[in-house]
Amino acid sequence: MAVIHRAELRPSKLEALAAWLPDQPWSGVTAGEDLGIPGKFRFDDPAGEVGVETILVRTASGRVLHAPLTYRGAPLEGADDFLVTEMDHSVLGRRWVYDASGDPVYADVLRRAIATGGHEAELTRDGAPGTWEKEGTATGSGTAQDSPTVTSVAARTTGDTTMIDTGDGTLVLARVVGAALPAGETLTAAWSEGSGVLAVLLP
């Protein structure tokens, strides 16, 4: 389960993405463009140290972008090129926010979800009973009993897809929902405005 805090974020997630996306060739976003978040979901980090969240971003033209992020309490060594922003969290303090394609924890949980037929995390309330209402779901298509642990990644982006070499197969992310993806086991997401395949696992 992912623990969600009622907290103030500076910058907000949407503000951070609005500043970062114009520099990403695959996004097609321009500075100052009106963006929205129609859906999002989280995965669990088995170690409980890294926040892993997939955010779907709707552009002014109606395209939906796939922007997975990881949230860390300290910088991730060797991942400067993937840093989205530094964020002040009113409960957890300073956070380093990364494009998740460069974070081994993301590759590990995504690979496991796809390979084993996993799904998004339940969202529990910090210090309060009950759960948060989900804003999106995700389901893997695989049937494996387990997935090898990913400890390092090498990511490269071509066009509107990003390939992540995990050492145990390659993850292919659709940066734009609806982008052409190769055949393989999949992660399919659904949110209030639609659904689509977000990632594929290749041998």
N, C-alpha and C. Protein backbone atom coordinates (compact mmCIF):
# COMPACT_ATOMS: atom_id res chain seq x y z
N MET A 1 0.83 -1.20 0.00
CA MET A 1 0.00 0.00 0.00
C MET A 1 0.87 1.25 0.00
N ALA A 2 0.43 2.28 -0.69
CA ALA A 2 1.13 3.55 -0.72
C ALA A 2 0.49 4.50 0.30
N VAL A 3 1.30 5.07 1.17
CA VAL A 3 0.80 5.99 2.19
C VAL A 3 0.78 7.39 1.60
N ILE A 4 -0.38 8.03 1.63
CA ILE A 4 -0.56 9.36 1.05
C ILE A 4 -0.73 10.37 2.18
N HIS A 5 0.08 11.42 2.17
CA HIS A 5 0.00 12.46 3.18
C HIS A 5 -0.84 13.62 2.68
N ARG A 6 -1.59 14.21 3.58
CA ARG A 6 -2.26 15.47 3.25
C ARG A 6 -1.22 16.57 3.44
N ALA A 7 -0.65 17.05 2.35
CA ALA A 7 0.51 17.93 2.45
C ALA A 7 0.47 19.01 1.38
N GLU A 8 1.23 20.05 1.63
CA GLU A 8 1.42 21.11 0.65
C GLU A 8 2.74 20.87 -0.07
N LEU A 9 2.72 20.97 -1.42
CA LEU A 9 3.90 20.74 -2.23
C LEU A 9 4.29 22.03 -2.94
N ARG A 10 5.58 22.35 -2.87
CA ARG A 10 6.08 23.53 -3.59
C ARG A 10 7.33 23.13 -4.37
N PRO A 11 7.30 23.16 -5.71
CA PRO A 11 6.13 23.43 -6.55
C PRO A 11 5.15 22.26 -6.50
N SER A 12 3.94 22.48 -7.00
CA SER A 12 2.99 21.37 -7.11
C SER A 12 3.46 20.43 -8.22
N LYS A 13 2.88 19.26 -8.26
CA LYS A 13 3.25 18.30 -9.31
C LYS A 13 2.96 18.87 -10.69
N LEU A 14 1.80 19.51 -10.86
CA LEU A 14 1.47 20.06 -12.17
C LEU A 14 2.41 21.21 -12.53
N GLU A 15 2.76 22.04 -11.57
CA GLU A 15 3.72 23.12 -11.84
C GLU A 15 5.07 22.56 -12.25
N ALA A 16 5.51 21.51 -11.57
CA ALA A 16 6.80 20.90 -11.90
C ALA A 16 6.78 20.32 -13.31
N LEU A 17 5.71 19.62 -13.65
CA LEU A 17 5.61 19.03 -14.98
C LEU A 17 5.49 20.10 -16.06
N ALA A 18 4.77 21.16 -15.77
CA ALA A 18 4.60 22.24 -16.75
C ALA A 18 5.94 22.92 -17.06
N ALA A 19 6.84 22.93 -16.09
CA ALA A 19 8.17 23.52 -16.31
C ALA A 19 9.10 22.54 -17.02
N TRP A 20 8.94 21.25 -16.77
CA TRP A 20 9.84 20.23 -17.31
C TRP A 20 9.45 19.75 -18.71
N LEU A 21 8.18 19.59 -18.97
CA LEU A 21 7.74 18.99 -20.22
C LEU A 21 8.16 19.76 -21.48
N PRO A 22 8.17 21.09 -21.50
CA PRO A 22 8.58 21.77 -22.73
C PRO A 22 9.99 21.42 -23.19
N ASP A 23 10.83 20.95 -22.28
CA ASP A 23 12.20 20.57 -22.64
C ASP A 23 12.31 19.13 -23.10
N GLN A 24 11.20 18.40 -23.10
CA GLN A 24 11.21 17.00 -23.53
C GLN A 24 10.69 16.92 -24.97
N PRO A 25 11.54 16.53 -25.92
CA PRO A 25 11.14 16.55 -27.33
C PRO A 25 9.87 15.75 -27.63
N TRP A 26 9.61 14.71 -26.85
CA TRP A 26 8.45 13.86 -27.11
C TRP A 26 7.13 14.49 -26.68
N SER A 27 7.19 15.53 -25.86
CA SER A 27 5.96 16.04 -25.25
C SER A 27 5.14 16.94 -26.17
N GLY A 28 5.81 17.72 -27.01
CA GLY A 28 5.10 18.70 -27.83
C GLY A 28 4.49 19.83 -27.04
N VAL A 29 4.84 19.95 -25.76
CA VAL A 29 4.28 20.98 -24.88
C VAL A 29 5.10 22.27 -25.01
N THR A 30 4.43 23.38 -25.03
CA THR A 30 5.09 24.68 -25.08
C THR A 30 4.98 25.36 -23.72
N ALA A 31 5.91 26.26 -23.45
CA ALA A 31 5.90 26.99 -22.17
C ALA A 31 4.60 27.75 -22.01
N GLY A 32 4.00 27.63 -20.84
CA GLY A 32 2.76 28.33 -20.55
C GLY A 32 1.51 27.63 -21.04
N GLU A 33 1.66 26.46 -21.66
CA GLU A 33 0.50 25.72 -22.17
C GLU A 33 -0.38 25.26 -21.02
N ASP A 34 -1.68 25.27 -21.24
CA ASP A 34 -2.65 24.83 -20.23
C ASP A 34 -2.66 23.31 -20.17
N LEU A 35 -2.28 22.75 -19.03
CA LEU A 35 -2.20 21.31 -18.86
C LEU A 35 -3.15 20.85 -17.76
N GLY A 36 -3.52 19.59 -17.81
CA GLY A 36 -4.35 19.00 -16.76
C GLY A 36 -3.86 17.61 -16.42
N ILE A 37 -4.34 17.07 -15.31
CA ILE A 37 -4.00 15.70 -14.89
C ILE A 37 -5.29 14.90 -14.80
N PRO A 38 -5.63 14.17 -15.87
CA PRO A 38 -6.88 13.40 -15.84
C PRO A 38 -6.81 12.10 -15.05
N GLY A 39 -5.60 11.64 -14.75
CA GLY A 39 -5.48 10.39 -14.02
C GLY A 39 -4.08 10.18 -13.49
N LYS A 40 -3.98 9.36 -12.46
CA LYS A 40 -2.68 8.99 -11.90
C LYS A 40 -2.85 7.77 -11.02
N PHE A 41 -1.75 7.06 -10.80
CA PHE A 41 -1.77 5.91 -9.90
C PHE A 41 -0.36 5.68 -9.38
N ARG A 42 -0.26 4.86 -8.34
CA ARG A 42 1.04 4.60 -7.70
C ARG A 42 1.36 3.12 -7.68
N PHE A 43 2.66 2.84 -7.59
CA PHE A 43 3.14 1.50 -7.30
C PHE A 43 3.86 1.54 -5.95
N ASP A 44 3.98 0.38 -5.32
CA ASP A 44 4.70 0.27 -4.05
C ASP A 44 6.18 0.01 -4.28
N ASP A 45 7.04 0.75 -3.59
CA ASP A 45 8.44 0.40 -3.48
C ASP A 45 8.55 -0.63 -2.36
N PRO A 46 9.05 -1.85 -2.65
CA PRO A 46 9.12 -2.88 -1.60
C PRO A 46 9.90 -2.42 -0.37
N ALA A 47 10.89 -1.53 -0.56
CA ALA A 47 11.68 -1.05 0.56
C ALA A 47 11.01 0.12 1.29
N GLY A 48 9.96 0.66 0.72
CA GLY A 48 9.23 1.74 1.37
C GLY A 48 9.95 3.07 1.40
N GLU A 49 10.97 3.25 0.54
CA GLU A 49 11.77 4.46 0.59
C GLU A 49 11.45 5.45 -0.53
N VAL A 50 11.02 4.95 -1.67
CA VAL A 50 10.85 5.78 -2.86
C VAL A 50 9.37 5.84 -3.25
N GLY A 51 8.87 7.04 -3.46
CA GLY A 51 7.52 7.19 -3.98
C GLY A 51 7.53 6.97 -5.48
N VAL A 52 6.61 6.16 -5.98
CA VAL A 52 6.55 5.83 -7.41
C VAL A 52 5.14 6.15 -7.90
N GLU A 53 5.04 7.13 -8.78
CA GLU A 53 3.72 7.58 -9.24
C GLU A 53 3.72 7.80 -10.74
N THR A 54 2.71 7.29 -11.39
CA THR A 54 2.50 7.55 -12.81
C THR A 54 1.44 8.63 -12.94
N ILE A 55 1.79 9.70 -13.65
CA ILE A 55 0.87 10.81 -13.88
C ILE A 55 0.57 10.90 -15.37
N LEU A 56 -0.70 11.00 -15.68
CA LEU A 56 -1.15 11.21 -17.05
C LEU A 56 -1.46 12.70 -17.22
N VAL A 57 -0.86 13.30 -18.22
CA VAL A 57 -0.97 14.74 -18.43
C VAL A 57 -1.73 15.01 -19.72
N ARG A 58 -2.82 15.77 -19.62
CA ARG A 58 -3.59 16.15 -20.80
C ARG A 58 -3.10 17.50 -21.31
N THR A 59 -2.75 17.58 -22.58
CA THR A 59 -2.27 18.83 -23.17
C THR A 59 -3.45 19.66 -23.67
N ALA A 60 -3.14 20.88 -24.09
CA ALA A 60 -4.19 21.78 -24.59
C ALA A 60 -4.87 21.21 -25.83
N SER A 61 -4.14 20.40 -26.61
CA SER A 61 -4.71 19.82 -27.82
C SER A 61 -5.47 18.53 -27.56
N GLY A 62 -5.45 18.05 -26.31
CA GLY A 62 -6.16 16.84 -25.95
C GLY A 62 -5.33 15.58 -25.96
N ARG A 63 -4.04 15.68 -26.31
CA ARG A 63 -3.16 14.52 -26.24
C ARG A 63 -2.95 14.16 -24.77
N VAL A 64 -2.68 12.88 -24.49
CA VAL A 64 -2.40 12.44 -23.13
C VAL A 64 -0.97 11.92 -23.08
N LEU A 65 -0.17 12.51 -22.19
CA LEU A 65 1.22 12.14 -22.03
C LEU A 65 1.40 11.25 -20.81
N HIS A 66 2.38 10.37 -20.89
CA HIS A 66 2.68 9.42 -19.82
C HIS A 66 3.93 9.91 -19.10
N ALA A 67 3.77 10.36 -17.86
CA ALA A 67 4.88 10.98 -17.12
C ALA A 67 5.06 10.29 -15.77
N PRO A 68 5.72 9.14 -15.72
CA PRO A 68 5.98 8.50 -14.43
C PRO A 68 7.07 9.24 -13.66
N LEU A 69 6.88 9.39 -12.36
CA LEU A 69 7.83 10.11 -11.52
C LEU A 69 8.21 9.24 -10.32
N THR A 70 9.43 9.48 -9.81
CA THR A 70 9.80 8.93 -8.51
C THR A 70 10.16 10.07 -7.58
N TYR A 71 9.86 9.89 -6.30
CA TYR A 71 10.11 10.90 -5.27
C TYR A 71 11.08 10.31 -4.25
N ARG A 72 12.20 11.01 -4.05
CA ARG A 72 13.25 10.50 -3.17
C ARG A 72 13.61 11.53 -2.10
N GLY A 73 14.09 11.02 -0.95
CA GLY A 73 14.50 11.89 0.14
C GLY A 73 15.93 12.36 0.03
N ALA A 74 16.65 11.91 -1.00
CA ALA A 74 18.03 12.33 -1.26
C ALA A 74 18.28 12.16 -2.75
N PRO A 75 19.27 12.85 -3.30
CA PRO A 75 19.54 12.71 -4.73
C PRO A 75 19.90 11.28 -5.11
N LEU A 76 19.50 10.87 -6.31
CA LEU A 76 19.84 9.56 -6.86
C LEU A 76 21.14 9.71 -7.63
N GLU A 77 22.16 9.01 -7.20
CA GLU A 77 23.48 9.13 -7.80
C GLU A 77 23.44 8.75 -9.27
N GLY A 78 24.04 9.60 -10.11
CA GLY A 78 24.14 9.34 -11.53
C GLY A 78 22.89 9.64 -12.32
N ALA A 79 21.89 10.27 -11.71
CA ALA A 79 20.61 10.49 -12.39
C ALA A 79 20.31 11.97 -12.60
N ASP A 80 21.33 12.81 -12.62
CA ASP A 80 21.10 14.25 -12.79
C ASP A 80 20.30 14.57 -14.05
N ASP A 81 20.54 13.82 -15.12
CA ASP A 81 19.85 14.09 -16.39
C ASP A 81 18.36 13.80 -16.31
N PHE A 82 17.94 13.07 -15.29
CA PHE A 82 16.53 12.70 -15.15
C PHE A 82 15.81 13.52 -14.07
N LEU A 83 16.51 14.46 -13.44
CA LEU A 83 15.89 15.26 -12.39
C LEU A 83 14.83 16.19 -12.97
N VAL A 84 13.62 16.11 -12.46
CA VAL A 84 12.52 16.98 -12.89
C VAL A 84 12.51 18.26 -12.07
N THR A 85 12.62 18.12 -10.75
CA THR A 85 12.62 19.28 -9.86
C THR A 85 13.01 18.84 -8.46
N GLU A 86 13.34 19.79 -7.63
CA GLU A 86 13.40 19.58 -6.19
C GLU A 86 12.14 20.19 -5.60
N MET A 87 11.55 19.51 -4.66
CA MET A 87 10.22 19.87 -4.16
C MET A 87 10.24 19.93 -2.64
N ASP A 88 9.55 20.91 -2.08
CA ASP A 88 9.36 20.98 -0.63
C ASP A 88 8.02 20.35 -0.28
N HIS A 89 8.06 19.32 0.55
CA HIS A 89 6.88 18.58 0.99
C HIS A 89 6.65 18.96 2.45
N SER A 90 5.47 19.45 2.78
CA SER A 90 5.23 20.00 4.11
C SER A 90 5.31 18.94 5.21
N VAL A 91 5.25 17.66 4.87
CA VAL A 91 5.35 16.58 5.85
C VAL A 91 6.71 15.90 5.77
N LEU A 92 7.16 15.58 4.58
CA LEU A 92 8.38 14.78 4.39
C LEU A 92 9.63 15.62 4.18
N GLY A 93 9.48 16.91 3.96
CA GLY A 93 10.64 17.77 3.77
C GLY A 93 11.07 17.83 2.31
N ARG A 94 12.36 18.03 2.09
CA ARG A 94 12.88 18.18 0.74
C ARG A 94 12.80 16.86 -0.01
N ARG A 95 12.30 16.93 -1.25
CA ARG A 95 12.18 15.74 -2.09
C ARG A 95 12.84 16.01 -3.44
N TRP A 96 13.47 14.98 -3.97
CA TRP A 96 14.06 15.05 -5.29
C TRP A 96 13.17 14.24 -6.22
N VAL A 97 12.67 14.89 -7.26
CA VAL A 97 11.67 14.29 -8.15
C VAL A 97 12.34 13.96 -9.49
N TYR A 98 12.22 12.70 -9.91
CA TYR A 98 12.90 12.23 -11.11
C TYR A 98 11.92 11.72 -12.16
N ASP A 99 12.30 11.92 -13.43
CA ASP A 99 11.67 11.17 -14.51
C ASP A 99 11.96 9.71 -14.21
N ALA A 100 10.93 8.93 -13.97
CA ALA A 100 11.12 7.57 -13.45
C ALA A 100 11.86 6.64 -14.39
N SER A 101 11.97 7.00 -15.66
CA SER A 101 12.66 6.11 -16.59
C SER A 101 14.14 5.94 -16.23
N GLY A 102 14.70 6.87 -15.45
CA GLY A 102 16.09 6.77 -15.04
C GLY A 102 16.29 6.23 -13.64
N ASP A 103 15.23 5.70 -13.02
CA ASP A 103 15.29 5.24 -11.64
C ASP A 103 15.10 3.73 -11.57
N PRO A 104 16.09 2.99 -11.06
CA PRO A 104 15.96 1.53 -10.99
C PRO A 104 14.76 1.05 -10.18
N VAL A 105 14.35 1.80 -9.17
CA VAL A 105 13.20 1.37 -8.37
C VAL A 105 11.94 1.34 -9.23
N TYR A 106 11.77 2.34 -10.08
CA TYR A 106 10.61 2.35 -10.97
C TYR A 106 10.66 1.16 -11.93
N ALA A 107 11.82 0.94 -12.55
CA ALA A 107 11.94 -0.18 -13.48
C ALA A 107 11.64 -1.50 -12.79
N ASP A 108 12.06 -1.63 -11.54
CA ASP A 108 11.82 -2.85 -10.79
C ASP A 108 10.33 -3.09 -10.55
N VAL A 109 9.63 -2.07 -10.07
CA VAL A 109 8.22 -2.27 -9.75
C VAL A 109 7.37 -2.37 -11.01
N LEU A 110 7.76 -1.64 -12.07
CA LEU A 110 7.02 -1.74 -13.33
C LEU A 110 7.22 -3.11 -13.96
N ARG A 111 8.46 -3.58 -13.98
CA ARG A 111 8.72 -4.90 -14.55
C ARG A 111 7.93 -5.96 -13.80
N ARG A 112 7.92 -5.88 -12.48
CA ARG A 112 7.21 -6.87 -11.66
C ARG A 112 5.70 -6.82 -11.94
N ALA A 113 5.14 -5.62 -12.04
CA ALA A 113 3.71 -5.48 -12.29
C ALA A 113 3.33 -6.10 -13.64
N ILE A 114 4.14 -5.84 -14.66
CA ILE A 114 3.84 -6.39 -15.98
C ILE A 114 4.00 -7.90 -15.98
N ALA A 115 5.14 -8.39 -15.47
CA ALA A 115 5.46 -9.81 -15.57
C ALA A 115 4.53 -10.69 -14.76
N THR A 116 4.06 -10.19 -13.61
CA THR A 116 3.28 -11.03 -12.70
C THR A 116 1.78 -10.73 -12.74
N GLY A 117 1.36 -9.84 -13.62
CA GLY A 117 -0.06 -9.48 -13.65
C GLY A 117 -0.46 -8.63 -12.47
N GLY A 118 0.48 -7.80 -12.00
CA GLY A 118 0.22 -6.94 -10.84
C GLY A 118 -0.64 -5.75 -11.19
N HIS A 119 -0.86 -4.91 -10.18
CA HIS A 119 -1.71 -3.74 -10.37
C HIS A 119 -1.23 -2.60 -9.49
N GLU A 120 -1.90 -1.49 -9.59
CA GLU A 120 -1.53 -0.30 -8.83
C GLU A 120 -1.71 -0.52 -7.33
N ALA A 121 -1.07 0.35 -6.54
CA ALA A 121 -1.13 0.24 -5.09
C ALA A 121 -2.43 0.80 -4.54
N GLU A 122 -2.86 0.25 -3.41
CA GLU A 122 -3.92 0.88 -2.64
C GLU A 122 -3.36 2.14 -1.99
N LEU A 123 -4.20 3.14 -1.82
CA LEU A 123 -3.76 4.44 -1.29
C LEU A 123 -4.30 4.63 0.12
N THR A 124 -3.45 4.44 1.11
CA THR A 124 -3.88 4.59 2.49
C THR A 124 -3.62 6.01 2.98
N ARG A 125 -4.40 6.43 3.94
CA ARG A 125 -4.27 7.78 4.50
C ARG A 125 -3.27 7.77 5.65
N ASP A 126 -2.33 8.69 5.63
CA ASP A 126 -1.36 8.79 6.72
C ASP A 126 -2.05 9.26 8.00
N GLY A 127 -1.98 8.44 9.06
CA GLY A 127 -2.52 8.83 10.35
C GLY A 127 -4.02 8.86 10.43
N ALA A 128 -4.71 8.25 9.46
CA ALA A 128 -6.17 8.26 9.49
C ALA A 128 -6.69 6.97 8.87
N PRO A 129 -7.87 6.51 9.28
CA PRO A 129 -8.42 5.29 8.71
C PRO A 129 -8.92 5.52 7.29
N GLY A 130 -9.09 4.43 6.57
CA GLY A 130 -9.67 4.52 5.24
C GLY A 130 -8.62 4.69 4.15
N THR A 131 -9.08 4.76 2.92
CA THR A 131 -8.21 4.89 1.77
C THR A 131 -8.62 6.09 0.94
N TRP A 132 -7.67 6.56 0.11
CA TRP A 132 -7.97 7.63 -0.83
C TRP A 132 -8.66 7.02 -2.06
N GLU A 133 -9.55 7.79 -2.66
CA GLU A 133 -10.18 7.34 -3.91
C GLU A 133 -9.13 7.35 -5.02
N LYS A 134 -9.08 6.27 -5.79
CA LYS A 134 -8.11 6.17 -6.86
C LYS A 134 -8.51 7.05 -8.04
N GLU A 135 -7.48 7.58 -8.72
CA GLU A 135 -7.70 8.39 -9.92
C GLU A 135 -7.24 7.67 -11.17
N GLY A 136 -6.91 6.40 -11.03
CA GLY A 136 -6.50 5.59 -12.16
C GLY A 136 -6.14 4.20 -11.69
N THR A 137 -6.15 3.25 -12.62
CA THR A 137 -5.78 1.88 -12.32
C THR A 137 -4.80 1.39 -13.38
N ALA A 138 -4.09 0.32 -13.06
CA ALA A 138 -3.13 -0.26 -14.00
C ALA A 138 -3.08 -1.76 -13.77
N THR A 139 -2.96 -2.51 -14.87
CA THR A 139 -2.94 -3.97 -14.77
C THR A 139 -1.90 -4.53 -15.72
N GLY A 140 -1.07 -5.44 -15.20
CA GLY A 140 -0.10 -6.14 -16.03
C GLY A 140 -0.72 -7.37 -16.66
N SER A 141 -0.18 -7.80 -17.80
CA SER A 141 -0.76 -8.92 -18.53
C SER A 141 -0.05 -10.25 -18.27
N GLY A 142 1.09 -10.22 -17.56
CA GLY A 142 1.87 -11.44 -17.38
C GLY A 142 1.31 -12.38 -16.34
N THR A 143 1.87 -13.60 -16.32
CA THR A 143 1.42 -14.62 -15.37
C THR A 143 2.58 -15.24 -14.60
N ALA A 144 3.75 -14.64 -14.65
CA ALA A 144 4.91 -15.18 -13.94
C ALA A 144 4.69 -15.13 -12.44
N GLN A 145 5.34 -16.04 -11.71
CA GLN A 145 5.21 -16.07 -10.26
C GLN A 145 6.01 -14.96 -9.59
N ASP A 146 7.09 -14.51 -10.23
CA ASP A 146 7.94 -13.49 -9.64
C ASP A 146 8.68 -12.77 -10.76
N SER A 147 9.45 -11.75 -10.37
CA SER A 147 10.23 -10.98 -11.33
C SER A 147 11.60 -10.71 -10.74
N PRO A 148 12.68 -10.84 -11.53
CA PRO A 148 14.01 -10.55 -11.00
C PRO A 148 14.12 -9.09 -10.58
N THR A 149 14.88 -8.85 -9.53
CA THR A 149 15.04 -7.48 -9.02
C THR A 149 15.93 -6.67 -9.96
N VAL A 150 15.46 -5.48 -10.31
CA VAL A 150 16.22 -4.57 -11.16
C VAL A 150 17.04 -3.65 -10.27
N THR A 151 18.33 -3.57 -10.51
CA THR A 151 19.20 -2.72 -9.70
C THR A 151 19.88 -1.61 -10.48
N SER A 152 19.82 -1.68 -11.81
CA SER A 152 20.41 -0.62 -12.63
C SER A 152 19.63 -0.52 -13.93
N VAL A 153 19.67 0.65 -14.54
CA VAL A 153 18.93 0.88 -15.79
C VAL A 153 19.77 1.71 -16.75
N ALA A 154 19.44 1.57 -18.02
CA ALA A 154 19.98 2.44 -19.06
C ALA A 154 18.80 2.82 -19.94
N ALA A 155 18.46 4.10 -19.96
CA ALA A 155 17.27 4.56 -20.67
C ALA A 155 17.65 5.43 -21.86
N ARG A 156 16.90 5.28 -22.93
CA ARG A 156 17.08 6.13 -24.10
C ARG A 156 15.70 6.37 -24.72
N THR A 157 15.52 7.58 -25.22
CA THR A 157 14.24 7.96 -25.81
C THR A 157 14.41 8.20 -27.30
N THR A 158 13.51 7.62 -28.08
CA THR A 158 13.47 7.83 -29.52
C THR A 158 12.04 8.14 -29.91
N GLY A 159 11.83 9.31 -30.49
CA GLY A 159 10.47 9.68 -30.85
C GLY A 159 9.60 9.80 -29.62
N ASP A 160 8.49 9.08 -29.61
CA ASP A 160 7.56 9.17 -28.48
C ASP A 160 7.57 7.91 -27.62
N THR A 161 8.70 7.17 -27.64
CA THR A 161 8.85 6.03 -26.73
C THR A 161 10.20 6.10 -26.04
N THR A 162 10.25 5.53 -24.84
CA THR A 162 11.49 5.41 -24.08
C THR A 162 11.75 3.95 -23.80
N MET A 163 12.98 3.50 -24.10
CA MET A 163 13.37 2.11 -23.84
C MET A 163 14.28 2.07 -22.62
N ILE A 164 13.97 1.18 -21.67
CA ILE A 164 14.73 1.04 -20.44
C ILE A 164 15.31 -0.37 -20.39
N ASP A 165 16.62 -0.46 -20.52
CA ASP A 165 17.29 -1.76 -20.40
C ASP A 165 17.45 -2.07 -18.92
N THR A 166 16.89 -3.18 -18.48
CA THR A 166 16.91 -3.54 -17.06
C THR A 166 17.95 -4.60 -16.72
N GLY A 167 18.60 -5.18 -17.74
CA GLY A 167 19.47 -6.33 -17.50
C GLY A 167 18.71 -7.64 -17.52
N ASP A 168 17.39 -7.57 -17.36
CA ASP A 168 16.50 -8.73 -17.47
C ASP A 168 15.30 -8.35 -18.32
N GLY A 169 15.59 -7.99 -19.55
CA GLY A 169 14.54 -7.54 -20.45
C GLY A 169 14.52 -6.03 -20.59
N THR A 170 13.75 -5.57 -21.55
CA THR A 170 13.65 -4.15 -21.84
C THR A 170 12.22 -3.68 -21.67
N LEU A 171 12.05 -2.58 -20.96
CA LEU A 171 10.75 -1.93 -20.82
C LEU A 171 10.64 -0.84 -21.87
N VAL A 172 9.52 -0.79 -22.56
CA VAL A 172 9.27 0.26 -23.55
C VAL A 172 8.08 1.08 -23.07
N LEU A 173 8.31 2.36 -22.83
CA LEU A 173 7.26 3.26 -22.35
C LEU A 173 6.68 4.06 -23.50
N ALA A 174 5.37 4.12 -23.59
CA ALA A 174 4.70 5.04 -24.51
C ALA A 174 4.66 6.40 -23.82
N ARG A 175 5.42 7.36 -24.31
CA ARG A 175 5.40 8.70 -23.71
C ARG A 175 4.13 9.45 -24.08
N VAL A 176 3.60 9.13 -25.24
CA VAL A 176 2.30 9.65 -25.67
C VAL A 176 1.35 8.47 -25.73
N VAL A 177 0.25 8.54 -24.99
CA VAL A 177 -0.69 7.42 -24.98
C VAL A 177 -1.22 7.22 -26.40
N GLY A 178 -1.14 5.97 -26.86
CA GLY A 178 -1.53 5.65 -28.22
C GLY A 178 -0.36 5.48 -29.15
N ALA A 179 0.86 5.76 -28.67
CA ALA A 179 2.06 5.57 -29.50
C ALA A 179 2.21 4.10 -29.86
N ALA A 180 2.77 3.85 -31.04
CA ALA A 180 2.99 2.48 -31.48
C ALA A 180 4.02 1.80 -30.58
N LEU A 181 3.67 0.61 -30.09
CA LEU A 181 4.55 -0.15 -29.21
C LEU A 181 4.77 -1.55 -29.79
N PRO A 182 5.91 -2.15 -29.49
CA PRO A 182 6.14 -3.52 -29.97
C PRO A 182 5.26 -4.52 -29.23
N ALA A 183 5.17 -5.72 -29.77
CA ALA A 183 4.40 -6.78 -29.11
C ALA A 183 5.16 -7.28 -27.90
N GLY A 184 4.43 -7.56 -26.83
CA GLY A 184 5.02 -8.06 -25.60
C GLY A 184 4.00 -8.03 -24.49
N GLU A 185 4.42 -8.41 -23.30
CA GLU A 185 3.54 -8.29 -22.14
C GLU A 185 3.36 -6.81 -21.82
N THR A 186 2.18 -6.45 -21.35
CA THR A 186 1.81 -5.03 -21.29
C THR A 186 1.38 -4.57 -19.90
N LEU A 187 1.45 -3.26 -19.71
CA LEU A 187 0.77 -2.59 -18.60
C LEU A 187 -0.29 -1.69 -19.21
N THR A 188 -1.54 -1.96 -18.87
CA THR A 188 -2.66 -1.18 -19.40
C THR A 188 -3.27 -0.37 -18.27
N ALA A 189 -3.46 0.91 -18.51
CA ALA A 189 -4.03 1.81 -17.49
C ALA A 189 -5.41 2.28 -17.92
N ALA A 190 -6.21 2.64 -16.92
CA ALA A 190 -7.52 3.23 -17.17
C ALA A 190 -7.71 4.39 -16.22
N TRP A 191 -8.35 5.43 -16.71
CA TRP A 191 -8.65 6.61 -15.89
C TRP A 191 -9.98 7.16 -16.34
N SER A 192 -10.44 8.24 -15.74
CA SER A 192 -11.82 8.70 -15.98
C SER A 192 -12.10 9.05 -17.43
N GLU A 193 -11.08 9.47 -18.17
CA GLU A 193 -11.30 9.92 -19.54
C GLU A 193 -10.88 8.91 -20.60
N GLY A 194 -10.31 7.78 -20.19
CA GLY A 194 -9.87 6.85 -21.22
C GLY A 194 -9.04 5.72 -20.67
N SER A 195 -8.35 5.04 -21.57
CA SER A 195 -7.47 3.92 -21.20
C SER A 195 -6.44 3.74 -22.29
N GLY A 196 -5.40 2.97 -22.00
CA GLY A 196 -4.38 2.72 -23.00
C GLY A 196 -3.24 1.91 -22.45
N VAL A 197 -2.45 1.34 -23.34
CA VAL A 197 -1.24 0.62 -22.96
C VAL A 197 -0.13 1.63 -22.74
N LEU A 198 0.46 1.59 -21.55
CA LEU A 198 1.50 2.55 -21.19
C LEU A 198 2.90 1.98 -21.34
N ALA A 199 3.04 0.66 -21.23
CA ALA A 199 4.38 0.07 -21.24
C ALA A 199 4.30 -1.37 -21.71
N VAL A 200 5.42 -1.81 -22.30
CA VAL A 200 5.57 -3.19 -22.78
C VAL A 200 6.87 -3.75 -22.23
N LEU A 201 6.87 -5.01 -21.86
CA LEU A 201 8.07 -5.71 -21.43
C LEU A 201 8.52 -6.65 -22.53
N LEU A 202 9.77 -6.44 -23.01
CA LEU A 202 10.37 -7.31 -24.02
C LEU A 202 11.40 -8.22 -23.35
N PRO A 203 11.58 -9.44 -23.87
CA PRO A 203 12.58 -10.36 -23.28
C PRO A 203 13.99 -9.76 -23.32
